[in-house]
Amino acid sequence: MSDLTQVEILWLEKRIENRIRFGRIVEEQILDRRRRVVSFAPGSIFAFVRWTSNDFGTVISRIDILRAVAAGQRCATVPYVRPGGDILLRLSGWPKVERVLQLIDVIEALGIDPADAAPDYWHHVHNRLSVNEAPRTYTKSRHQAWLHRQRIAP
């Protein structure tokens, strides 16, 4: 069994779109024109966006921000993710998904890779958006505090 967390990416025009918004892919396997499997190393953080529609409109709009787990570690099951992951954020409904995507853009505008952002921040965003409250924005000083915490308490 591999230590990598695998995510199946699927794209069927105007029907299904599963994609990675951010994260460091360490392996990629192309299955066919519409499907591929990407893999993440244990401990890495990535965002997985899923969207599905039918003849009447959007059925599912969801974003999961997950931390990849090592083989044998406990994890939550997430569709298309093997074996699963440590869920940092899980939201559905386009307004909430769109808000998370905007927050990711803000982090990138700071010159920070969202995969390096503090995992606690993603928990904060999940909790605030779950109750329709505005989350605090991620700042360079918050990121520096996270990096400092990592250095003194690995």
N, C-alpha and C. Protein backbone atom coordinates (compact mmCIF):
# COMPACT_ATOMS: atom_id res chain seq x y z
N MET A 1 0.84 -1.19 0.00
CA MET A 1 0.00 0.00 0.00
C MET A 1 0.88 1.25 0.00
N SER A 2 0.54 2.20 -0.83
CA SER A 2 1.32 3.43 -0.96
C SER A 2 1.01 4.37 0.19
N ASP A 3 2.01 5.19 0.53
CA ASP A 3 1.81 6.22 1.55
C ASP A 3 1.14 7.47 0.97
N LEU A 4 0.95 7.49 -0.33
CA LEU A 4 0.39 8.66 -0.98
C LEU A 4 -1.14 8.67 -0.90
N THR A 5 -1.69 9.87 -0.83
CA THR A 5 -3.14 10.05 -0.91
C THR A 5 -3.46 10.33 -2.37
N GLN A 6 -4.37 9.53 -2.92
CA GLN A 6 -4.71 9.65 -4.34
C GLN A 6 -6.08 10.30 -4.50
N VAL A 7 -6.17 11.18 -5.48
CA VAL A 7 -7.42 11.89 -5.78
C VAL A 7 -7.73 11.68 -7.25
N GLU A 8 -8.95 11.21 -7.52
CA GLU A 8 -9.37 11.01 -8.90
C GLU A 8 -9.99 12.31 -9.42
N ILE A 9 -9.41 12.80 -10.50
CA ILE A 9 -9.89 14.02 -11.15
C ILE A 9 -10.72 13.59 -12.35
N LEU A 10 -11.92 14.13 -12.44
CA LEU A 10 -12.84 13.75 -13.50
C LEU A 10 -13.42 15.01 -14.12
N TRP A 11 -13.52 15.02 -15.44
CA TRP A 11 -14.11 16.15 -16.14
C TRP A 11 -15.00 15.63 -17.26
N LEU A 12 -16.28 15.87 -17.14
CA LEU A 12 -17.25 15.58 -18.20
C LEU A 12 -17.94 16.91 -18.50
N GLU A 13 -17.72 17.42 -19.69
CA GLU A 13 -18.18 18.76 -20.04
C GLU A 13 -19.63 19.01 -19.66
N LYS A 14 -19.84 20.10 -18.92
CA LYS A 14 -21.14 20.57 -18.46
C LYS A 14 -21.87 19.58 -17.55
N ARG A 15 -21.16 18.57 -17.03
CA ARG A 15 -21.78 17.58 -16.14
C ARG A 15 -21.05 17.44 -14.81
N ILE A 16 -19.75 17.13 -14.90
CA ILE A 16 -18.95 16.88 -13.69
C ILE A 16 -17.60 17.53 -13.85
N GLU A 17 -17.17 18.22 -12.80
CA GLU A 17 -15.82 18.78 -12.79
C GLU A 17 -15.25 18.59 -11.39
N ASN A 18 -14.25 17.73 -11.28
CA ASN A 18 -13.49 17.55 -10.05
C ASN A 18 -12.11 18.10 -10.33
N ARG A 19 -11.63 19.01 -9.49
CA ARG A 19 -10.31 19.58 -9.75
C ARG A 19 -9.60 19.92 -8.46
N ILE A 20 -8.31 20.04 -8.57
CA ILE A 20 -7.47 20.46 -7.45
C ILE A 20 -7.27 21.96 -7.59
N ARG A 21 -7.61 22.72 -6.56
CA ARG A 21 -7.42 24.18 -6.61
C ARG A 21 -6.00 24.55 -6.20
N PHE A 22 -5.46 23.87 -5.18
CA PHE A 22 -4.07 24.07 -4.81
C PHE A 22 -3.55 22.81 -4.14
N GLY A 23 -2.26 22.71 -4.06
CA GLY A 23 -1.61 21.55 -3.44
C GLY A 23 -0.43 21.11 -4.28
N ARG A 24 0.49 20.43 -3.64
CA ARG A 24 1.70 19.96 -4.33
C ARG A 24 1.53 18.51 -4.77
N ILE A 25 1.27 18.33 -6.04
CA ILE A 25 1.09 17.00 -6.61
C ILE A 25 2.46 16.36 -6.76
N VAL A 26 2.60 15.14 -6.22
CA VAL A 26 3.89 14.45 -6.32
C VAL A 26 3.89 13.37 -7.39
N GLU A 27 2.71 12.97 -7.82
CA GLU A 27 2.58 11.94 -8.85
C GLU A 27 1.29 12.17 -9.61
N GLU A 28 1.31 11.86 -10.90
CA GLU A 28 0.10 12.01 -11.72
C GLU A 28 0.02 10.84 -12.70
N GLN A 29 -1.17 10.27 -12.79
CA GLN A 29 -1.41 9.17 -13.71
C GLN A 29 -2.61 9.54 -14.58
N ILE A 30 -2.40 9.61 -15.88
CA ILE A 30 -3.49 9.94 -16.80
C ILE A 30 -4.16 8.63 -17.20
N LEU A 31 -5.46 8.53 -16.91
CA LEU A 31 -6.22 7.32 -17.22
C LEU A 31 -6.82 7.39 -18.62
N ASP A 32 -7.38 8.53 -18.96
CA ASP A 32 -7.90 8.78 -20.30
C ASP A 32 -8.09 10.29 -20.46
N ARG A 33 -8.78 10.70 -21.53
CA ARG A 33 -8.96 12.13 -21.80
C ARG A 33 -9.66 12.87 -20.67
N ARG A 34 -10.52 12.18 -19.95
CA ARG A 34 -11.35 12.83 -18.95
C ARG A 34 -10.97 12.52 -17.50
N ARG A 35 -10.10 11.54 -17.31
CA ARG A 35 -9.79 11.12 -15.94
C ARG A 35 -8.28 11.02 -15.72
N ARG A 36 -7.89 11.42 -14.53
CA ARG A 36 -6.51 11.22 -14.09
C ARG A 36 -6.51 11.07 -12.58
N VAL A 37 -5.44 10.54 -12.07
CA VAL A 37 -5.28 10.36 -10.63
C VAL A 37 -4.04 11.13 -10.22
N VAL A 38 -4.20 12.02 -9.25
CA VAL A 38 -3.07 12.77 -8.72
C VAL A 38 -2.83 12.32 -7.29
N SER A 39 -1.57 12.40 -6.86
CA SER A 39 -1.21 11.92 -5.53
C SER A 39 -0.49 13.00 -4.74
N PHE A 40 -0.69 12.95 -3.42
CA PHE A 40 -0.10 13.91 -2.50
C PHE A 40 0.64 13.16 -1.40
N ALA A 41 1.76 13.73 -0.97
CA ALA A 41 2.57 13.14 0.10
C ALA A 41 1.87 13.34 1.45
N PRO A 42 2.09 12.43 2.39
CA PRO A 42 1.50 12.57 3.73
C PRO A 42 1.85 13.93 4.34
N GLY A 43 0.86 14.54 4.96
CA GLY A 43 1.06 15.83 5.61
C GLY A 43 0.82 17.03 4.73
N SER A 44 0.78 16.82 3.41
CA SER A 44 0.56 17.97 2.52
C SER A 44 -0.92 18.35 2.50
N ILE A 45 -1.17 19.61 2.25
CA ILE A 45 -2.53 20.16 2.26
C ILE A 45 -2.92 20.50 0.82
N PHE A 46 -4.17 20.17 0.48
CA PHE A 46 -4.66 20.46 -0.86
C PHE A 46 -6.15 20.77 -0.81
N ALA A 47 -6.61 21.49 -1.84
CA ALA A 47 -8.03 21.83 -1.97
C ALA A 47 -8.61 21.05 -3.15
N PHE A 48 -9.72 20.39 -2.88
CA PHE A 48 -10.40 19.56 -3.88
C PHE A 48 -11.79 20.14 -4.11
N VAL A 49 -12.05 20.58 -5.33
CA VAL A 49 -13.32 21.21 -5.68
C VAL A 49 -14.12 20.24 -6.54
N ARG A 50 -15.40 20.04 -6.17
CA ARG A 50 -16.28 19.17 -6.94
C ARG A 50 -17.54 19.93 -7.35
N TRP A 51 -17.91 19.76 -8.59
CA TRP A 51 -19.10 20.41 -9.12
C TRP A 51 -19.80 19.42 -10.03
N THR A 52 -21.10 19.30 -9.87
CA THR A 52 -21.91 18.40 -10.69
C THR A 52 -23.20 19.11 -11.08
N SER A 53 -23.64 18.88 -12.32
CA SER A 53 -24.91 19.46 -12.75
C SER A 53 -25.71 18.42 -13.53
N ASN A 54 -26.98 18.74 -13.74
CA ASN A 54 -27.82 17.92 -14.60
C ASN A 54 -28.54 18.85 -15.57
N ASP A 55 -29.59 18.38 -16.21
CA ASP A 55 -30.29 19.20 -17.20
C ASP A 55 -30.95 20.44 -16.60
N PHE A 56 -31.11 20.46 -15.28
CA PHE A 56 -31.83 21.56 -14.63
C PHE A 56 -30.91 22.54 -13.90
N GLY A 57 -29.62 22.27 -13.88
CA GLY A 57 -28.68 23.19 -13.23
C GLY A 57 -27.71 22.46 -12.30
N THR A 58 -27.05 23.25 -11.47
CA THR A 58 -26.05 22.71 -10.56
C THR A 58 -26.71 21.86 -9.47
N VAL A 59 -26.15 20.67 -9.26
CA VAL A 59 -26.65 19.75 -8.26
C VAL A 59 -25.74 19.78 -7.02
N ILE A 60 -24.42 19.78 -7.26
CA ILE A 60 -23.45 19.78 -6.17
C ILE A 60 -22.37 20.80 -6.46
N SER A 61 -22.04 21.57 -5.46
CA SER A 61 -20.90 22.48 -5.51
C SER A 61 -20.25 22.34 -4.14
N ARG A 62 -19.02 21.81 -4.11
CA ARG A 62 -18.39 21.50 -2.83
C ARG A 62 -16.89 21.76 -2.90
N ILE A 63 -16.33 22.16 -1.77
CA ILE A 63 -14.87 22.28 -1.64
C ILE A 63 -14.45 21.60 -0.35
N ASP A 64 -13.39 20.82 -0.46
CA ASP A 64 -12.78 20.17 0.70
C ASP A 64 -11.32 20.59 0.73
N ILE A 65 -10.86 21.06 1.87
CA ILE A 65 -9.44 21.29 2.06
C ILE A 65 -8.98 20.20 3.02
N LEU A 66 -8.07 19.38 2.53
CA LEU A 66 -7.66 18.17 3.24
C LEU A 66 -6.17 18.15 3.49
N ARG A 67 -5.79 17.43 4.55
CA ARG A 67 -4.38 17.12 4.78
C ARG A 67 -4.23 15.65 4.44
N ALA A 68 -3.29 15.33 3.56
CA ALA A 68 -3.04 13.94 3.17
C ALA A 68 -2.53 13.16 4.38
N VAL A 69 -2.95 11.91 4.48
CA VAL A 69 -2.55 11.06 5.60
C VAL A 69 -1.61 9.96 5.13
N ALA A 70 -0.85 9.44 6.06
CA ALA A 70 0.03 8.30 5.77
C ALA A 70 -0.79 7.02 5.90
N ALA A 71 -0.30 5.96 5.29
CA ALA A 71 -0.98 4.66 5.38
C ALA A 71 -1.14 4.28 6.85
N GLY A 72 -2.33 3.84 7.21
CA GLY A 72 -2.59 3.40 8.58
C GLY A 72 -3.08 4.49 9.51
N GLN A 73 -2.95 5.77 9.12
CA GLN A 73 -3.45 6.85 9.96
C GLN A 73 -4.97 6.94 9.82
N ARG A 74 -5.61 7.39 10.88
CA ARG A 74 -7.05 7.56 10.79
C ARG A 74 -7.37 8.73 9.87
N CYS A 75 -8.49 8.60 9.18
CA CYS A 75 -8.86 9.65 8.24
C CYS A 75 -10.37 9.57 7.98
N ALA A 76 -10.89 10.65 7.44
CA ALA A 76 -12.29 10.71 7.04
C ALA A 76 -12.37 10.32 5.57
N THR A 77 -13.43 9.63 5.21
CA THR A 77 -13.60 9.28 3.81
C THR A 77 -14.19 10.46 3.06
N VAL A 78 -13.68 10.67 1.87
CA VAL A 78 -14.14 11.74 0.99
C VAL A 78 -14.26 11.12 -0.39
N PRO A 79 -15.39 11.32 -1.08
CA PRO A 79 -15.52 10.75 -2.42
C PRO A 79 -14.34 11.13 -3.32
N TYR A 80 -13.86 10.18 -4.07
CA TYR A 80 -12.76 10.33 -5.04
C TYR A 80 -11.38 10.45 -4.39
N VAL A 81 -11.29 10.35 -3.06
CA VAL A 81 -10.02 10.48 -2.35
C VAL A 81 -9.72 9.16 -1.65
N ARG A 82 -8.54 8.57 -1.98
CA ARG A 82 -8.14 7.30 -1.36
C ARG A 82 -6.84 7.48 -0.61
N PRO A 83 -6.73 7.09 0.61
CA PRO A 83 -7.72 6.41 1.43
C PRO A 83 -8.72 7.37 2.06
N GLY A 84 -8.45 8.63 2.05
CA GLY A 84 -9.27 9.66 2.67
C GLY A 84 -8.33 10.76 3.12
N GLY A 85 -8.76 11.60 4.01
CA GLY A 85 -7.89 12.68 4.47
C GLY A 85 -8.35 13.25 5.78
N ASP A 86 -7.52 14.09 6.33
CA ASP A 86 -7.84 14.85 7.54
C ASP A 86 -8.55 16.11 7.04
N ILE A 87 -9.83 16.24 7.33
CA ILE A 87 -10.62 17.35 6.81
C ILE A 87 -10.34 18.62 7.60
N LEU A 88 -9.85 19.64 6.92
CA LEU A 88 -9.63 20.94 7.53
C LEU A 88 -10.81 21.87 7.26
N LEU A 89 -11.41 21.71 6.08
CA LEU A 89 -12.56 22.52 5.69
C LEU A 89 -13.41 21.68 4.75
N ARG A 90 -14.71 21.75 4.95
CA ARG A 90 -15.64 21.04 4.06
C ARG A 90 -16.91 21.87 3.98
N LEU A 91 -17.13 22.46 2.81
CA LEU A 91 -18.31 23.31 2.63
C LEU A 91 -18.98 22.99 1.30
N SER A 92 -20.28 23.19 1.27
CA SER A 92 -21.01 22.97 0.03
C SER A 92 -21.96 24.14 -0.20
N GLY A 93 -22.40 24.25 -1.44
CA GLY A 93 -23.25 25.37 -1.85
C GLY A 93 -22.37 26.43 -2.49
N TRP A 94 -22.76 26.88 -3.66
CA TRP A 94 -21.90 27.77 -4.43
C TRP A 94 -21.50 29.04 -3.68
N PRO A 95 -22.39 29.74 -2.95
CA PRO A 95 -21.93 30.97 -2.28
C PRO A 95 -20.77 30.72 -1.31
N LYS A 96 -20.80 29.64 -0.56
CA LYS A 96 -19.72 29.32 0.38
C LYS A 96 -18.47 28.86 -0.35
N VAL A 97 -18.65 28.04 -1.37
CA VAL A 97 -17.50 27.58 -2.16
C VAL A 97 -16.82 28.79 -2.82
N GLU A 98 -17.60 29.67 -3.39
CA GLU A 98 -17.05 30.86 -4.03
C GLU A 98 -16.28 31.71 -3.01
N ARG A 99 -16.80 31.85 -1.80
CA ARG A 99 -16.12 32.64 -0.76
C ARG A 99 -14.77 32.02 -0.40
N VAL A 100 -14.71 30.69 -0.29
CA VAL A 100 -13.45 30.02 -0.01
C VAL A 100 -12.47 30.25 -1.16
N LEU A 101 -12.93 30.14 -2.38
CA LEU A 101 -12.06 30.38 -3.54
C LEU A 101 -11.51 31.81 -3.52
N GLN A 102 -12.33 32.77 -3.10
CA GLN A 102 -11.87 34.15 -2.99
C GLN A 102 -10.80 34.28 -1.90
N LEU A 103 -10.99 33.59 -0.77
CA LEU A 103 -9.99 33.63 0.30
C LEU A 103 -8.67 33.00 -0.14
N ILE A 104 -8.76 31.97 -0.94
CA ILE A 104 -7.55 31.35 -1.50
C ILE A 104 -6.83 32.35 -2.39
N ASP A 105 -7.59 33.08 -3.21
CA ASP A 105 -6.99 34.11 -4.08
C ASP A 105 -6.29 35.19 -3.26
N VAL A 106 -6.87 35.57 -2.12
CA VAL A 106 -6.27 36.59 -1.25
C VAL A 106 -4.93 36.08 -0.70
N ILE A 107 -4.89 34.83 -0.29
CA ILE A 107 -3.64 34.25 0.23
C ILE A 107 -2.57 34.24 -0.86
N GLU A 108 -2.97 33.84 -2.06
CA GLU A 108 -2.01 33.83 -3.18
C GLU A 108 -1.52 35.23 -3.51
N ALA A 109 -2.41 36.23 -3.38
CA ALA A 109 -2.03 37.61 -3.66
C ALA A 109 -0.97 38.11 -2.66
N LEU A 110 -0.91 37.50 -1.48
CA LEU A 110 0.11 37.84 -0.48
C LEU A 110 1.46 37.20 -0.82
N GLY A 111 1.48 36.36 -1.85
CA GLY A 111 2.70 35.65 -2.21
C GLY A 111 2.91 34.39 -1.39
N ILE A 112 1.84 33.89 -0.80
CA ILE A 112 1.88 32.68 0.03
C ILE A 112 1.16 31.56 -0.70
N ASP A 113 1.76 30.39 -0.74
CA ASP A 113 1.09 29.22 -1.31
C ASP A 113 0.03 28.77 -0.30
N PRO A 114 -1.23 28.67 -0.70
CA PRO A 114 -2.28 28.25 0.24
C PRO A 114 -1.99 26.89 0.89
N ALA A 115 -1.20 26.05 0.23
CA ALA A 115 -0.83 24.76 0.81
C ALA A 115 0.08 24.93 2.02
N ASP A 116 0.69 26.12 2.15
CA ASP A 116 1.57 26.40 3.29
C ASP A 116 0.87 27.17 4.39
N ALA A 117 -0.36 27.59 4.17
CA ALA A 117 -1.11 28.35 5.18
C ALA A 117 -1.36 27.48 6.40
N ALA A 118 -1.55 28.12 7.53
CA ALA A 118 -1.78 27.41 8.79
C ALA A 118 -3.06 26.57 8.68
N PRO A 119 -2.98 25.27 9.01
CA PRO A 119 -4.18 24.43 8.98
C PRO A 119 -5.30 24.97 9.87
N ASP A 120 -4.93 25.62 10.98
CA ASP A 120 -5.94 26.22 11.87
C ASP A 120 -6.76 27.27 11.15
N TYR A 121 -6.15 27.95 10.18
CA TYR A 121 -6.88 28.96 9.44
C TYR A 121 -8.02 28.32 8.65
N TRP A 122 -7.77 27.16 8.04
CA TRP A 122 -8.82 26.49 7.26
C TRP A 122 -9.94 26.03 8.18
N HIS A 123 -9.61 25.59 9.40
CA HIS A 123 -10.65 25.25 10.39
C HIS A 123 -11.49 26.48 10.71
N HIS A 124 -10.80 27.61 10.92
CA HIS A 124 -11.48 28.88 11.21
C HIS A 124 -12.45 29.25 10.09
N VAL A 125 -11.97 29.17 8.85
CA VAL A 125 -12.83 29.52 7.71
C VAL A 125 -14.03 28.59 7.66
N HIS A 126 -13.81 27.29 7.85
CA HIS A 126 -14.91 26.33 7.86
C HIS A 126 -15.95 26.70 8.92
N ASN A 127 -15.46 26.94 10.14
CA ASN A 127 -16.39 27.24 11.24
C ASN A 127 -17.17 28.52 11.01
N ARG A 128 -16.51 29.56 10.54
CA ARG A 128 -17.19 30.84 10.34
C ARG A 128 -18.20 30.77 9.19
N LEU A 129 -17.79 30.19 8.06
CA LEU A 129 -18.71 30.13 6.92
C LEU A 129 -19.86 29.16 7.17
N SER A 130 -19.64 28.16 8.00
CA SER A 130 -20.71 27.20 8.33
C SER A 130 -21.88 27.88 9.03
N VAL A 131 -21.59 28.97 9.75
CA VAL A 131 -22.65 29.70 10.46
C VAL A 131 -22.91 31.07 9.83
N ASN A 132 -22.51 31.20 8.56
CA ASN A 132 -22.75 32.42 7.78
C ASN A 132 -22.13 33.67 8.40
N GLU A 133 -20.96 33.51 8.97
CA GLU A 133 -20.18 34.63 9.50
C GLU A 133 -18.97 34.85 8.60
N ALA A 134 -18.45 36.05 8.60
CA ALA A 134 -17.28 36.36 7.77
C ALA A 134 -16.00 35.91 8.49
N PRO A 135 -15.18 35.13 7.83
CA PRO A 135 -13.91 34.74 8.45
C PRO A 135 -12.90 35.88 8.39
N ARG A 136 -11.94 35.85 9.32
CA ARG A 136 -10.84 36.81 9.26
C ARG A 136 -9.98 36.47 8.05
N THR A 137 -9.37 37.47 7.47
CA THR A 137 -8.49 37.21 6.34
C THR A 137 -7.13 36.74 6.85
N TYR A 138 -6.47 35.96 6.03
CA TYR A 138 -5.13 35.48 6.35
C TYR A 138 -4.16 36.61 6.05
N THR A 139 -3.23 36.85 6.95
CA THR A 139 -2.28 37.94 6.78
C THR A 139 -0.86 37.41 6.81
N LYS A 140 0.06 38.24 6.35
CA LYS A 140 1.48 37.84 6.40
C LYS A 140 1.94 37.65 7.84
N SER A 141 1.45 38.48 8.77
CA SER A 141 1.86 38.33 10.17
C SER A 141 1.31 37.03 10.76
N ARG A 142 0.09 36.66 10.39
CA ARG A 142 -0.46 35.38 10.85
C ARG A 142 0.36 34.21 10.27
N HIS A 143 0.76 34.35 9.03
CA HIS A 143 1.57 33.30 8.40
C HIS A 143 2.94 33.20 9.06
N GLN A 144 3.54 34.34 9.37
CA GLN A 144 4.84 34.33 10.05
C GLN A 144 4.73 33.68 11.43
N ALA A 145 3.63 33.95 12.13
CA ALA A 145 3.41 33.32 13.44
C ALA A 145 3.30 31.81 13.29
N TRP A 146 2.61 31.36 12.25
CA TRP A 146 2.49 29.92 11.97
C TRP A 146 3.85 29.29 11.69
N LEU A 147 4.64 29.96 10.86
CA LEU A 147 5.98 29.43 10.54
C LEU A 147 6.86 29.39 11.79
N HIS A 148 6.75 30.41 12.64
CA HIS A 148 7.53 30.43 13.88
C HIS A 148 7.10 29.28 14.80
N ARG A 149 5.79 29.07 14.91
CA ARG A 149 5.27 27.95 15.72
C ARG A 149 5.81 26.62 15.21
N GLN A 150 5.92 26.48 13.91
CA GLN A 150 6.44 25.25 13.31
C GLN A 150 7.90 25.02 13.68
N ARG A 151 8.66 26.11 13.73
CA ARG A 151 10.09 25.99 14.06
C ARG A 151 10.32 25.61 15.51
N ILE A 152 9.51 26.14 16.43
CA ILE A 152 9.76 25.88 17.85
C ILE A 152 9.06 24.64 18.38
N ALA A 153 8.03 24.18 17.68
CA ALA A 153 7.30 22.98 18.14
C ALA A 153 6.92 22.11 16.94
N PRO A 154 7.88 21.40 16.36
CA PRO A 154 7.58 20.61 15.17
C PRO A 154 6.63 19.48 15.39
